[in-house]
Amino acid sequence: MSTSARAGAAALIVGPLLGLIGYAVVPTVSDDASDVVPALHAHHAAMIAGLTLQTIGIAILVGGLVWLAIRLVPAAPRLATVAGVLGVAGALVVIFENGLLAAAPPLVSGLDGGHATTAVDQVSNSAAAGLDPVGVALAIGIAALGFAAVKAGAPRWIAPVLTAAALVQTVGFAAAARPLVLVGFAALVVLFGLIVRALQTSVTPEPVRQPAMVA
């Protein structure tokens, strides 16, 4: 495996691992201002550390998803390309939303609870309005990459299990349920590791060439 391939494979695993740690550290996985502001008041350092790790982890995951999509193109050209685009688009939305939450700490430190909640709510809702459907693209892209990985030699059970992990993670975020979010990230770390291992030992089949017509 080349140096660039090692870096891509590492990013695919390290990204969700940092995300797992980041979401384990924060006192709330909710992006609702009424939850974020009290958490910042009571656990300021943990919130800052968690948000930082989450953002770095998702950013690294973007690189891993790009590498995986490119690696899977020979085996499943259309599926891998679409999956990669969806996964990266969804991950960028998550990074953007985390960036909005980065505005919360200074607002909380300069305003009382009620005014801080209103300010954070206005910032996050006005800027991120309509982006939630795009954020779901991350789960769809990850699931589709699982099916593309099967075509490249990964075990068949990887695809449905990876799809389930992405779904659990999405539901966890929507319901602000920390256990589901953590289970989703932990599953991604393990499953992406298994995919990388399978790709290292698999040989991508050559495209079937049509016989030349003899005049």
N, C-alpha and C. Protein backbone atom coordinates (compact mmCIF):
# COMPACT_ATOMS: atom_id res chain seq x y z
N MET A 1 0.86 -1.20 0.00
CA MET A 1 0.00 0.00 0.00
C MET A 1 0.89 1.24 0.00
N SER A 2 0.59 2.18 -0.90
CA SER A 2 1.38 3.39 -1.01
C SER A 2 1.16 4.30 0.20
N THR A 3 2.01 5.35 0.29
CA THR A 3 1.90 6.28 1.40
C THR A 3 0.56 7.00 1.38
N SER A 4 0.13 7.42 0.19
CA SER A 4 -1.17 8.11 0.09
C SER A 4 -2.32 7.19 0.45
N ALA A 5 -2.21 5.92 0.06
CA ALA A 5 -3.26 4.96 0.39
C ALA A 5 -3.32 4.72 1.89
N ARG A 6 -2.15 4.64 2.53
CA ARG A 6 -2.11 4.48 3.98
C ARG A 6 -2.75 5.68 4.67
N ALA A 7 -2.45 6.87 4.17
CA ALA A 7 -3.02 8.08 4.76
C ALA A 7 -4.54 8.09 4.61
N GLY A 8 -5.03 7.70 3.43
CA GLY A 8 -6.48 7.66 3.21
C GLY A 8 -7.16 6.64 4.09
N ALA A 9 -6.56 5.45 4.19
CA ALA A 9 -7.12 4.40 5.03
C ALA A 9 -7.12 4.81 6.50
N ALA A 10 -6.03 5.46 6.93
CA ALA A 10 -5.95 5.92 8.31
C ALA A 10 -7.01 6.98 8.59
N ALA A 11 -7.22 7.89 7.64
CA ALA A 11 -8.22 8.94 7.81
C ALA A 11 -9.62 8.34 7.95
N LEU A 12 -9.87 7.26 7.22
CA LEU A 12 -11.18 6.62 7.25
C LEU A 12 -11.49 6.05 8.64
N ILE A 13 -10.46 5.67 9.37
CA ILE A 13 -10.64 5.08 10.70
C ILE A 13 -10.48 6.12 11.80
N VAL A 14 -9.44 6.96 11.67
CA VAL A 14 -9.17 7.96 12.71
C VAL A 14 -10.28 9.01 12.78
N GLY A 15 -10.86 9.37 11.64
CA GLY A 15 -11.93 10.37 11.63
C GLY A 15 -13.09 10.01 12.54
N PRO A 16 -13.75 8.87 12.32
CA PRO A 16 -14.85 8.50 13.21
C PRO A 16 -14.40 8.20 14.64
N LEU A 17 -13.13 7.79 14.82
CA LEU A 17 -12.63 7.55 16.18
C LEU A 17 -12.58 8.86 16.97
N LEU A 18 -12.08 9.92 16.33
CA LEU A 18 -12.08 11.23 16.99
C LEU A 18 -13.50 11.73 17.21
N GLY A 19 -14.38 11.45 16.26
CA GLY A 19 -15.78 11.82 16.44
C GLY A 19 -16.39 11.11 17.64
N LEU A 20 -16.06 9.83 17.79
CA LEU A 20 -16.55 9.06 18.93
C LEU A 20 -16.09 9.68 20.25
N ILE A 21 -14.81 10.03 20.31
CA ILE A 21 -14.27 10.65 21.53
C ILE A 21 -14.92 12.00 21.77
N GLY A 22 -15.07 12.78 20.69
CA GLY A 22 -15.66 14.11 20.83
C GLY A 22 -17.08 14.08 21.35
N TYR A 23 -17.89 13.17 20.83
CA TYR A 23 -19.28 13.09 21.28
C TYR A 23 -19.41 12.40 22.64
N ALA A 24 -18.38 11.66 23.03
CA ALA A 24 -18.38 11.08 24.38
C ALA A 24 -18.04 12.12 25.43
N VAL A 25 -17.24 13.12 25.03
CA VAL A 25 -16.78 14.14 25.97
C VAL A 25 -17.86 15.18 26.27
N VAL A 26 -18.58 15.61 25.24
CA VAL A 26 -19.56 16.68 25.44
C VAL A 26 -20.71 16.21 26.33
N PRO A 27 -21.26 17.10 27.16
CA PRO A 27 -22.36 16.73 28.04
C PRO A 27 -23.69 16.58 27.31
N THR A 28 -23.80 17.09 26.08
CA THR A 28 -25.03 16.94 25.30
C THR A 28 -24.67 16.81 23.83
N VAL A 29 -25.40 15.97 23.11
CA VAL A 29 -25.20 15.85 21.66
C VAL A 29 -26.28 16.62 20.91
N SER A 30 -27.10 17.34 21.65
CA SER A 30 -28.15 18.15 21.05
C SER A 30 -27.57 19.44 20.49
N ASP A 31 -28.14 19.94 19.38
CA ASP A 31 -27.73 21.24 18.86
C ASP A 31 -28.78 22.31 19.17
N ASP A 32 -29.72 21.96 20.04
CA ASP A 32 -30.74 22.91 20.46
C ASP A 32 -30.13 23.90 21.45
N ALA A 33 -30.39 25.17 21.23
CA ALA A 33 -29.80 26.21 22.08
C ALA A 33 -30.16 26.03 23.55
N SER A 34 -31.36 25.53 23.81
CA SER A 34 -31.78 25.36 25.20
C SER A 34 -30.98 24.27 25.91
N ASP A 35 -30.34 23.39 25.14
CA ASP A 35 -29.47 22.37 25.72
C ASP A 35 -28.01 22.81 25.69
N VAL A 36 -27.61 23.49 24.61
CA VAL A 36 -26.21 23.89 24.43
C VAL A 36 -25.78 24.92 25.47
N VAL A 37 -26.62 25.94 25.69
CA VAL A 37 -26.25 27.03 26.60
C VAL A 37 -26.05 26.53 28.03
N PRO A 38 -26.98 25.77 28.62
CA PRO A 38 -26.72 25.26 29.98
C PRO A 38 -25.48 24.37 30.05
N ALA A 39 -25.25 23.58 28.99
CA ALA A 39 -24.08 22.70 28.97
C ALA A 39 -22.80 23.52 28.96
N LEU A 40 -22.80 24.63 28.23
CA LEU A 40 -21.63 25.50 28.20
C LEU A 40 -21.40 26.17 29.55
N HIS A 41 -22.48 26.52 30.22
CA HIS A 41 -22.35 27.14 31.55
C HIS A 41 -21.78 26.15 32.56
N ALA A 42 -22.29 24.90 32.51
CA ALA A 42 -21.91 23.92 33.53
C ALA A 42 -20.63 23.16 33.19
N HIS A 43 -20.37 22.95 31.88
CA HIS A 43 -19.22 22.14 31.48
C HIS A 43 -18.52 22.81 30.29
N HIS A 44 -18.05 24.00 30.50
CA HIS A 44 -17.49 24.80 29.41
C HIS A 44 -16.30 24.12 28.73
N ALA A 45 -15.34 23.66 29.50
CA ALA A 45 -14.14 23.04 28.94
C ALA A 45 -14.47 21.77 28.16
N ALA A 46 -15.38 20.95 28.71
CA ALA A 46 -15.76 19.71 28.03
C ALA A 46 -16.46 19.99 26.71
N MET A 47 -17.30 21.01 26.67
CA MET A 47 -18.00 21.36 25.44
C MET A 47 -17.01 21.82 24.38
N ILE A 48 -16.07 22.68 24.76
CA ILE A 48 -15.09 23.18 23.81
C ILE A 48 -14.24 22.04 23.27
N ALA A 49 -13.76 21.18 24.17
CA ALA A 49 -12.92 20.05 23.75
C ALA A 49 -13.69 19.11 22.84
N GLY A 50 -14.94 18.82 23.22
CA GLY A 50 -15.75 17.91 22.42
C GLY A 50 -16.04 18.44 21.04
N LEU A 51 -16.44 19.71 20.95
CA LEU A 51 -16.73 20.32 19.66
C LEU A 51 -15.50 20.35 18.77
N THR A 52 -14.35 20.60 19.37
CA THR A 52 -13.10 20.63 18.60
C THR A 52 -12.78 19.26 18.03
N LEU A 53 -12.87 18.23 18.87
CA LEU A 53 -12.59 16.88 18.41
C LEU A 53 -13.59 16.42 17.35
N GLN A 54 -14.85 16.78 17.53
CA GLN A 54 -15.87 16.42 16.54
C GLN A 54 -15.55 17.02 15.17
N THR A 55 -15.23 18.31 15.17
CA THR A 55 -14.97 19.00 13.92
C THR A 55 -13.73 18.44 13.23
N ILE A 56 -12.67 18.23 14.01
CA ILE A 56 -11.44 17.66 13.43
C ILE A 56 -11.71 16.26 12.89
N GLY A 57 -12.45 15.47 13.66
CA GLY A 57 -12.75 14.10 13.25
C GLY A 57 -13.53 14.04 11.94
N ILE A 58 -14.56 14.87 11.81
CA ILE A 58 -15.36 14.87 10.58
C ILE A 58 -14.53 15.36 9.40
N ALA A 59 -13.67 16.37 9.65
CA ALA A 59 -12.81 16.87 8.58
C ALA A 59 -11.86 15.78 8.09
N ILE A 60 -11.29 15.02 9.01
CA ILE A 60 -10.42 13.92 8.63
C ILE A 60 -11.21 12.84 7.90
N LEU A 61 -12.43 12.59 8.35
CA LEU A 61 -13.28 11.59 7.71
C LEU A 61 -13.55 11.95 6.25
N VAL A 62 -13.66 13.24 5.95
CA VAL A 62 -13.86 13.65 4.56
C VAL A 62 -12.75 13.10 3.67
N GLY A 63 -11.51 13.26 4.14
CA GLY A 63 -10.38 12.72 3.38
C GLY A 63 -10.47 11.20 3.23
N GLY A 64 -10.91 10.53 4.29
CA GLY A 64 -11.06 9.08 4.22
C GLY A 64 -12.14 8.65 3.24
N LEU A 65 -13.26 9.37 3.22
CA LEU A 65 -14.35 9.04 2.30
C LEU A 65 -13.93 9.26 0.86
N VAL A 66 -13.18 10.33 0.61
CA VAL A 66 -12.69 10.59 -0.75
C VAL A 66 -11.77 9.45 -1.19
N TRP A 67 -10.85 9.06 -0.29
CA TRP A 67 -9.94 7.96 -0.63
C TRP A 67 -10.72 6.68 -0.91
N LEU A 68 -11.68 6.34 -0.07
CA LEU A 68 -12.43 5.10 -0.24
C LEU A 68 -13.22 5.13 -1.54
N ALA A 69 -13.85 6.26 -1.84
CA ALA A 69 -14.63 6.34 -3.08
C ALA A 69 -13.72 6.13 -4.30
N ILE A 70 -12.55 6.78 -4.29
CA ILE A 70 -11.61 6.62 -5.41
C ILE A 70 -11.13 5.18 -5.50
N ARG A 71 -10.87 4.57 -4.35
CA ARG A 71 -10.40 3.18 -4.32
C ARG A 71 -11.45 2.22 -4.87
N LEU A 72 -12.73 2.56 -4.70
CA LEU A 72 -13.80 1.66 -5.12
C LEU A 72 -14.29 1.91 -6.53
N VAL A 73 -13.85 3.00 -7.16
CA VAL A 73 -14.32 3.34 -8.51
C VAL A 73 -14.09 2.22 -9.52
N PRO A 74 -12.92 1.57 -9.54
CA PRO A 74 -12.74 0.50 -10.54
C PRO A 74 -13.76 -0.64 -10.42
N ALA A 75 -14.19 -0.94 -9.20
CA ALA A 75 -15.13 -2.04 -9.00
C ALA A 75 -16.59 -1.61 -9.19
N ALA A 76 -16.91 -0.38 -8.81
CA ALA A 76 -18.30 0.11 -8.90
C ALA A 76 -18.26 1.60 -9.25
N PRO A 77 -18.00 1.94 -10.50
CA PRO A 77 -17.76 3.34 -10.88
C PRO A 77 -18.87 4.31 -10.48
N ARG A 78 -20.08 4.05 -10.89
CA ARG A 78 -21.18 4.99 -10.63
C ARG A 78 -21.53 5.02 -9.15
N LEU A 79 -21.65 3.86 -8.55
CA LEU A 79 -22.05 3.79 -7.15
C LEU A 79 -21.01 4.45 -6.26
N ALA A 80 -19.74 4.18 -6.49
CA ALA A 80 -18.69 4.76 -5.66
C ALA A 80 -18.63 6.28 -5.83
N THR A 81 -18.82 6.75 -7.05
CA THR A 81 -18.76 8.19 -7.30
C THR A 81 -19.90 8.92 -6.61
N VAL A 82 -21.12 8.41 -6.80
CA VAL A 82 -22.29 9.04 -6.17
C VAL A 82 -22.18 8.97 -4.65
N ALA A 83 -21.76 7.82 -4.14
CA ALA A 83 -21.62 7.65 -2.69
C ALA A 83 -20.60 8.62 -2.13
N GLY A 84 -19.48 8.78 -2.82
CA GLY A 84 -18.45 9.70 -2.35
C GLY A 84 -18.94 11.14 -2.31
N VAL A 85 -19.65 11.55 -3.37
CA VAL A 85 -20.17 12.92 -3.42
C VAL A 85 -21.17 13.16 -2.29
N LEU A 86 -22.08 12.21 -2.08
CA LEU A 86 -23.08 12.35 -1.02
C LEU A 86 -22.42 12.38 0.35
N GLY A 87 -21.47 11.47 0.57
CA GLY A 87 -20.81 11.41 1.87
C GLY A 87 -20.05 12.68 2.19
N VAL A 88 -19.31 13.20 1.22
CA VAL A 88 -18.53 14.42 1.45
C VAL A 88 -19.46 15.61 1.66
N ALA A 89 -20.52 15.71 0.85
CA ALA A 89 -21.47 16.82 1.00
C ALA A 89 -22.10 16.81 2.39
N GLY A 90 -22.52 15.63 2.84
CA GLY A 90 -23.12 15.53 4.17
C GLY A 90 -22.14 15.85 5.27
N ALA A 91 -20.88 15.41 5.12
CA ALA A 91 -19.86 15.69 6.14
C ALA A 91 -19.56 17.18 6.21
N LEU A 92 -19.55 17.86 5.08
CA LEU A 92 -19.28 19.30 5.07
C LEU A 92 -20.40 20.06 5.78
N VAL A 93 -21.63 19.57 5.67
CA VAL A 93 -22.74 20.20 6.40
C VAL A 93 -22.54 20.05 7.90
N VAL A 94 -22.09 18.88 8.33
CA VAL A 94 -21.83 18.65 9.76
C VAL A 94 -20.74 19.60 10.25
N ILE A 95 -19.69 19.76 9.44
CA ILE A 95 -18.61 20.67 9.81
C ILE A 95 -19.13 22.10 9.92
N PHE A 96 -19.98 22.50 8.98
CA PHE A 96 -20.55 23.84 8.99
C PHE A 96 -21.40 24.06 10.25
N GLU A 97 -22.22 23.07 10.58
CA GLU A 97 -23.08 23.21 11.77
C GLU A 97 -22.24 23.26 13.04
N ASN A 98 -21.16 22.49 13.10
CA ASN A 98 -20.27 22.57 14.25
C ASN A 98 -19.60 23.94 14.33
N GLY A 99 -19.32 24.51 13.17
CA GLY A 99 -18.74 25.85 13.14
C GLY A 99 -19.70 26.88 13.71
N LEU A 100 -20.98 26.69 13.45
CA LEU A 100 -21.98 27.60 14.03
C LEU A 100 -22.01 27.48 15.55
N LEU A 101 -21.88 26.24 16.04
CA LEU A 101 -21.88 26.05 17.49
C LEU A 101 -20.64 26.68 18.13
N ALA A 102 -19.58 26.87 17.32
CA ALA A 102 -18.37 27.50 17.86
C ALA A 102 -18.64 28.95 18.26
N ALA A 103 -19.73 29.52 17.72
CA ALA A 103 -20.09 30.90 18.10
C ALA A 103 -20.78 30.95 19.45
N ALA A 104 -21.20 29.80 19.95
CA ALA A 104 -21.95 29.77 21.20
C ALA A 104 -21.13 30.18 22.43
N PRO A 105 -19.89 29.69 22.61
CA PRO A 105 -19.14 30.04 23.83
C PRO A 105 -18.99 31.55 24.08
N PRO A 106 -18.59 32.36 23.09
CA PRO A 106 -18.49 33.80 23.38
C PRO A 106 -19.83 34.44 23.68
N LEU A 107 -20.90 33.93 23.04
CA LEU A 107 -22.22 34.47 23.32
C LEU A 107 -22.65 34.15 24.75
N VAL A 108 -22.35 32.94 25.17
CA VAL A 108 -22.73 32.51 26.51
C VAL A 108 -21.97 33.29 27.57
N SER A 109 -20.69 33.55 27.30
CA SER A 109 -19.88 34.25 28.29
C SER A 109 -20.25 35.73 28.40
N GLY A 110 -20.86 36.30 27.35
CA GLY A 110 -21.18 37.72 27.38
C GLY A 110 -22.62 38.04 27.68
N LEU A 111 -23.50 37.02 27.74
CA LEU A 111 -24.92 37.27 27.96
C LEU A 111 -25.44 36.38 29.08
N ASP A 112 -26.58 36.78 29.64
CA ASP A 112 -27.21 35.92 30.64
C ASP A 112 -27.87 34.74 29.93
N GLY A 113 -28.34 33.77 30.72
CA GLY A 113 -28.87 32.53 30.17
C GLY A 113 -29.94 32.71 29.12
N GLY A 114 -30.95 33.53 29.43
CA GLY A 114 -32.08 33.71 28.51
C GLY A 114 -31.66 34.37 27.21
N HIS A 115 -30.89 35.44 27.31
CA HIS A 115 -30.45 36.15 26.11
C HIS A 115 -29.47 35.30 25.30
N ALA A 116 -28.62 34.55 25.98
CA ALA A 116 -27.66 33.70 25.29
C ALA A 116 -28.38 32.60 24.50
N THR A 117 -29.42 32.02 25.10
CA THR A 117 -30.19 30.98 24.42
C THR A 117 -30.84 31.53 23.16
N THR A 118 -31.42 32.73 23.28
CA THR A 118 -32.06 33.35 22.13
C THR A 118 -31.05 33.64 21.03
N ALA A 119 -29.87 34.16 21.41
CA ALA A 119 -28.85 34.52 20.42
C ALA A 119 -28.31 33.28 19.70
N VAL A 120 -28.01 32.23 20.47
CA VAL A 120 -27.49 31.00 19.87
C VAL A 120 -28.54 30.37 18.96
N ASP A 121 -29.78 30.40 19.39
CA ASP A 121 -30.86 29.83 18.58
C ASP A 121 -31.00 30.58 17.26
N GLN A 122 -30.92 31.89 17.30
CA GLN A 122 -31.05 32.69 16.09
C GLN A 122 -29.89 32.45 15.13
N VAL A 123 -28.68 32.37 15.67
CA VAL A 123 -27.51 32.14 14.82
C VAL A 123 -27.57 30.78 14.15
N SER A 124 -27.84 29.76 14.93
CA SER A 124 -27.83 28.40 14.38
C SER A 124 -28.98 28.15 13.43
N ASN A 125 -30.18 28.60 13.79
CA ASN A 125 -31.35 28.34 12.96
C ASN A 125 -31.34 29.14 11.67
N SER A 126 -30.90 30.38 11.73
CA SER A 126 -30.92 31.21 10.53
C SER A 126 -29.88 30.76 9.52
N ALA A 127 -28.71 30.33 10.00
CA ALA A 127 -27.63 29.94 9.08
C ALA A 127 -27.77 28.51 8.58
N ALA A 128 -28.31 27.62 9.43
CA ALA A 128 -28.38 26.20 9.06
C ALA A 128 -29.75 25.78 8.56
N ALA A 129 -30.65 26.74 8.37
CA ALA A 129 -32.00 26.41 7.92
C ALA A 129 -31.95 25.69 6.58
N GLY A 130 -32.64 24.56 6.51
CA GLY A 130 -32.72 23.81 5.27
C GLY A 130 -31.56 22.88 4.99
N LEU A 131 -30.55 22.84 5.87
CA LEU A 131 -29.38 22.01 5.62
C LEU A 131 -29.51 20.60 6.16
N ASP A 132 -30.47 20.36 7.03
CA ASP A 132 -30.61 19.03 7.63
C ASP A 132 -30.77 17.91 6.60
N PRO A 133 -31.61 18.10 5.54
CA PRO A 133 -31.70 17.04 4.52
C PRO A 133 -30.37 16.74 3.85
N VAL A 134 -29.54 17.78 3.65
CA VAL A 134 -28.23 17.56 3.05
C VAL A 134 -27.33 16.80 4.01
N GLY A 135 -27.48 17.09 5.31
CA GLY A 135 -26.69 16.38 6.31
C GLY A 135 -26.96 14.89 6.31
N VAL A 136 -28.20 14.49 5.99
CA VAL A 136 -28.55 13.08 5.93
C VAL A 136 -27.78 12.39 4.81
N ALA A 137 -27.30 13.18 3.84
CA ALA A 137 -26.54 12.60 2.73
C ALA A 137 -25.30 11.87 3.22
N LEU A 138 -24.76 12.27 4.37
CA LEU A 138 -23.59 11.58 4.92
C LEU A 138 -23.92 10.12 5.20
N ALA A 139 -25.06 9.88 5.83
CA ALA A 139 -25.47 8.49 6.12
C ALA A 139 -25.72 7.71 4.83
N ILE A 140 -26.38 8.35 3.86
CA ILE A 140 -26.66 7.68 2.59
C ILE A 140 -25.36 7.35 1.87
N GLY A 141 -24.43 8.31 1.87
CA GLY A 141 -23.16 8.08 1.20
C GLY A 141 -22.37 6.95 1.85
N ILE A 142 -22.34 6.92 3.18
CA ILE A 142 -21.63 5.86 3.89
C ILE A 142 -22.25 4.50 3.58
N ALA A 143 -23.57 4.43 3.58
CA ALA A 143 -24.24 3.17 3.28
C ALA A 143 -23.92 2.71 1.86
N ALA A 144 -23.97 3.64 0.92
CA ALA A 144 -23.69 3.29 -0.48
C ALA A 144 -22.25 2.84 -0.66
N LEU A 145 -21.32 3.45 0.07
CA LEU A 145 -19.92 3.01 0.00
C LEU A 145 -19.77 1.58 0.49
N GLY A 146 -20.62 1.19 1.45
CA GLY A 146 -20.59 -0.18 1.92
C GLY A 146 -20.93 -1.17 0.82
N PHE A 147 -21.95 -0.83 0.04
CA PHE A 147 -22.35 -1.71 -1.07
C PHE A 147 -21.28 -1.72 -2.16
N ALA A 148 -20.65 -0.58 -2.40
CA ALA A 148 -19.57 -0.53 -3.38
C ALA A 148 -18.38 -1.36 -2.89
N ALA A 149 -18.12 -1.33 -1.58
CA ALA A 149 -17.01 -2.10 -1.02
C ALA A 149 -17.22 -3.60 -1.21
N VAL A 150 -18.48 -4.04 -1.14
CA VAL A 150 -18.78 -5.46 -1.36
C VAL A 150 -18.39 -5.85 -2.78
N LYS A 151 -18.65 -4.97 -3.74
CA LYS A 151 -18.28 -5.24 -5.13
C LYS A 151 -16.77 -5.31 -5.31
N ALA A 152 -16.05 -4.66 -4.38
CA ALA A 152 -14.59 -4.65 -4.47
C ALA A 152 -13.95 -5.77 -3.66
N GLY A 153 -14.76 -6.62 -3.02
CA GLY A 153 -14.20 -7.76 -2.31
C GLY A 153 -14.46 -7.82 -0.83
N ALA A 154 -15.14 -6.83 -0.25
CA ALA A 154 -15.48 -6.86 1.18
C ALA A 154 -16.58 -7.89 1.43
N PRO A 155 -16.67 -8.44 2.63
CA PRO A 155 -17.73 -9.41 2.94
C PRO A 155 -19.12 -8.84 2.67
N ARG A 156 -20.03 -9.67 2.22
CA ARG A 156 -21.37 -9.20 1.85
C ARG A 156 -22.12 -8.59 3.03
N TRP A 157 -21.87 -9.08 4.24
CA TRP A 157 -22.61 -8.58 5.39
C TRP A 157 -22.20 -7.16 5.77
N ILE A 158 -21.06 -6.69 5.25
CA ILE A 158 -20.58 -5.34 5.57
C ILE A 158 -21.60 -4.29 5.15
N ALA A 159 -22.19 -4.45 3.98
CA ALA A 159 -23.09 -3.42 3.43
C ALA A 159 -24.31 -3.18 4.32
N PRO A 160 -25.10 -4.23 4.67
CA PRO A 160 -26.26 -3.97 5.51
C PRO A 160 -25.90 -3.51 6.92
N VAL A 161 -24.80 -4.02 7.47
CA VAL A 161 -24.41 -3.61 8.82
C VAL A 161 -23.94 -2.15 8.82
N LEU A 162 -23.20 -1.75 7.79
CA LEU A 162 -22.76 -0.36 7.68
C LEU A 162 -23.95 0.56 7.49
N THR A 163 -24.92 0.12 6.71
CA THR A 163 -26.15 0.89 6.53
C THR A 163 -26.88 1.07 7.85
N ALA A 164 -26.97 -0.01 8.63
CA ALA A 164 -27.62 0.07 9.94
C ALA A 164 -26.88 1.01 10.87
N ALA A 165 -25.54 0.97 10.84
CA ALA A 165 -24.74 1.86 11.70
C ALA A 165 -24.98 3.31 11.34
N ALA A 166 -25.00 3.62 10.04
CA ALA A 166 -25.25 4.99 9.60
C ALA A 166 -26.65 5.44 9.99
N LEU A 167 -27.62 4.53 9.91
CA LEU A 167 -29.00 4.86 10.28
C LEU A 167 -29.11 5.11 11.77
N VAL A 168 -28.48 4.27 12.57
CA VAL A 168 -28.49 4.44 14.02
C VAL A 168 -27.88 5.78 14.40
N GLN A 169 -26.79 6.13 13.77
CA GLN A 169 -26.13 7.40 14.05
C GLN A 169 -27.03 8.58 13.69
N THR A 170 -27.70 8.50 12.54
CA THR A 170 -28.60 9.57 12.10
C THR A 170 -29.76 9.74 13.07
N VAL A 171 -30.35 8.63 13.50
CA VAL A 171 -31.45 8.68 14.46
C VAL A 171 -30.95 9.25 15.78
N GLY A 172 -29.74 8.88 16.17
CA GLY A 172 -29.17 9.40 17.41
C GLY A 172 -29.02 10.91 17.39
N PHE A 173 -28.55 11.45 16.27
CA PHE A 173 -28.43 12.90 16.15
C PHE A 173 -29.80 13.57 16.17
N ALA A 174 -30.75 13.00 15.44
CA ALA A 174 -32.08 13.59 15.35
C ALA A 174 -32.78 13.60 16.71
N ALA A 175 -32.56 12.54 17.50
CA ALA A 175 -33.21 12.43 18.80
C ALA A 175 -32.34 12.92 19.94
N ALA A 176 -31.13 13.41 19.62
CA ALA A 176 -30.16 13.83 20.64
C ALA A 176 -29.92 12.72 21.65
N ALA A 177 -29.80 11.49 21.14
CA ALA A 177 -29.60 10.32 21.99
C ALA A 177 -28.12 9.92 21.94
N ARG A 178 -27.38 10.27 22.98
CA ARG A 178 -25.95 10.00 23.01
C ARG A 178 -25.60 8.52 22.77
N PRO A 179 -26.28 7.55 23.43
CA PRO A 179 -25.90 6.15 23.22
C PRO A 179 -25.95 5.73 21.74
N LEU A 180 -26.96 6.18 21.02
CA LEU A 180 -27.06 5.83 19.61
C LEU A 180 -25.94 6.46 18.79
N VAL A 181 -25.63 7.71 19.09
CA VAL A 181 -24.55 8.40 18.39
C VAL A 181 -23.22 7.68 18.62
N LEU A 182 -22.96 7.32 19.87
CA LEU A 182 -21.70 6.65 20.20
C LEU A 182 -21.62 5.26 19.56
N VAL A 183 -22.73 4.54 19.59
CA VAL A 183 -22.76 3.21 18.96
C VAL A 183 -22.50 3.34 17.47
N GLY A 184 -23.11 4.36 16.85
CA GLY A 184 -22.91 4.57 15.42
C GLY A 184 -21.46 4.85 15.08
N PHE A 185 -20.81 5.72 15.84
CA PHE A 185 -19.41 6.04 15.58
C PHE A 185 -18.51 4.83 15.84
N ALA A 186 -18.77 4.11 16.92
CA ALA A 186 -17.96 2.93 17.23
C ALA A 186 -18.07 1.88 16.11
N ALA A 187 -19.28 1.71 15.60
CA ALA A 187 -19.49 0.76 14.51
C ALA A 187 -18.75 1.20 13.25
N LEU A 188 -18.74 2.50 12.98
CA LEU A 188 -18.02 2.99 11.80
C LEU A 188 -16.52 2.70 11.90
N VAL A 189 -15.97 2.91 13.10
CA VAL A 189 -14.54 2.64 13.29
C VAL A 189 -14.23 1.18 12.95
N VAL A 190 -15.02 0.27 13.50
CA VAL A 190 -14.78 -1.17 13.29
C VAL A 190 -15.02 -1.55 11.83
N LEU A 191 -16.15 -1.11 11.27
CA LEU A 191 -16.52 -1.53 9.92
C LEU A 191 -15.58 -0.94 8.87
N PHE A 192 -15.20 0.31 9.04
CA PHE A 192 -14.24 0.89 8.09
C PHE A 192 -12.90 0.17 8.18
N GLY A 193 -12.51 -0.23 9.38
CA GLY A 193 -11.29 -1.00 9.54
C GLY A 193 -11.36 -2.32 8.80
N LEU A 194 -12.50 -2.98 8.88
CA LEU A 194 -12.68 -4.26 8.18
C LEU A 194 -12.68 -4.06 6.66
N ILE A 195 -13.26 -2.96 6.20
CA ILE A 195 -13.26 -2.67 4.77
C ILE A 195 -11.84 -2.44 4.27
N VAL A 196 -11.07 -1.65 5.02
CA VAL A 196 -9.68 -1.40 4.64
C VAL A 196 -8.91 -2.71 4.57
N ARG A 197 -9.12 -3.56 5.55
CA ARG A 197 -8.41 -4.85 5.56
C ARG A 197 -8.82 -5.70 4.36
N ALA A 198 -10.11 -5.70 4.03
CA ALA A 198 -10.59 -6.48 2.90
C ALA A 198 -10.02 -5.96 1.59
N LEU A 199 -9.94 -4.64 1.46
CA LEU A 199 -9.42 -4.05 0.23
C LEU A 199 -7.94 -4.32 0.05
N GLN A 200 -7.23 -4.47 1.16
CA GLN A 200 -5.79 -4.76 1.08
C GLN A 200 -5.53 -6.14 0.50
N THR A 201 -6.45 -7.05 0.73
CA THR A 201 -6.24 -8.44 0.29
C THR A 201 -7.01 -8.78 -0.98
N SER A 202 -7.87 -7.87 -1.43
CA SER A 202 -8.68 -8.16 -2.61
C SER A 202 -7.99 -7.66 -3.87
N VAL A 203 -8.35 -8.26 -4.95
CA VAL A 203 -7.84 -7.83 -6.26
C VAL A 203 -9.02 -7.34 -7.07
N THR A 204 -8.98 -6.10 -7.49
CA THR A 204 -10.08 -5.53 -8.26
C THR A 204 -10.11 -6.17 -9.64
N PRO A 205 -11.26 -6.74 -10.02
CA PRO A 205 -11.34 -7.40 -11.32
C PRO A 205 -11.16 -6.42 -12.47
N GLU A 206 -10.48 -6.89 -13.51
CA GLU A 206 -10.31 -6.07 -14.69
C GLU A 206 -11.63 -5.98 -15.44
N PRO A 207 -11.93 -4.83 -16.06
CA PRO A 207 -13.17 -4.73 -16.83
C PRO A 207 -13.18 -5.70 -17.98
N VAL A 208 -14.34 -6.27 -18.27
CA VAL A 208 -14.48 -7.24 -19.34
C VAL A 208 -14.34 -6.53 -20.67
N ARG A 209 -13.45 -7.02 -21.51
CA ARG A 209 -13.22 -6.43 -22.82
C ARG A 209 -14.02 -7.18 -23.87
N GLN A 210 -14.69 -6.44 -24.72
CA GLN A 210 -15.43 -7.07 -25.80
C GLN A 210 -14.47 -7.56 -26.88
N PRO A 211 -14.72 -8.74 -27.42
CA PRO A 211 -13.82 -9.24 -28.49
C PRO A 211 -13.85 -8.34 -29.70
N ALA A 212 -12.71 -8.17 -30.34
CA ALA A 212 -12.63 -7.31 -31.52
C ALA A 212 -13.39 -7.96 -32.67
N MET A 213 -14.06 -7.15 -33.44
CA MET A 213 -14.80 -7.62 -34.59
C MET A 213 -13.82 -7.93 -35.72
N VAL A 214 -13.97 -9.09 -36.30
CA VAL A 214 -13.10 -9.48 -37.40
C VAL A 214 -13.82 -9.20 -38.71
N ALA A 215 -13.19 -8.40 -39.54
CA ALA A 215 -13.83 -8.05 -40.82
C ALA A 215 -13.84 -9.25 -41.75
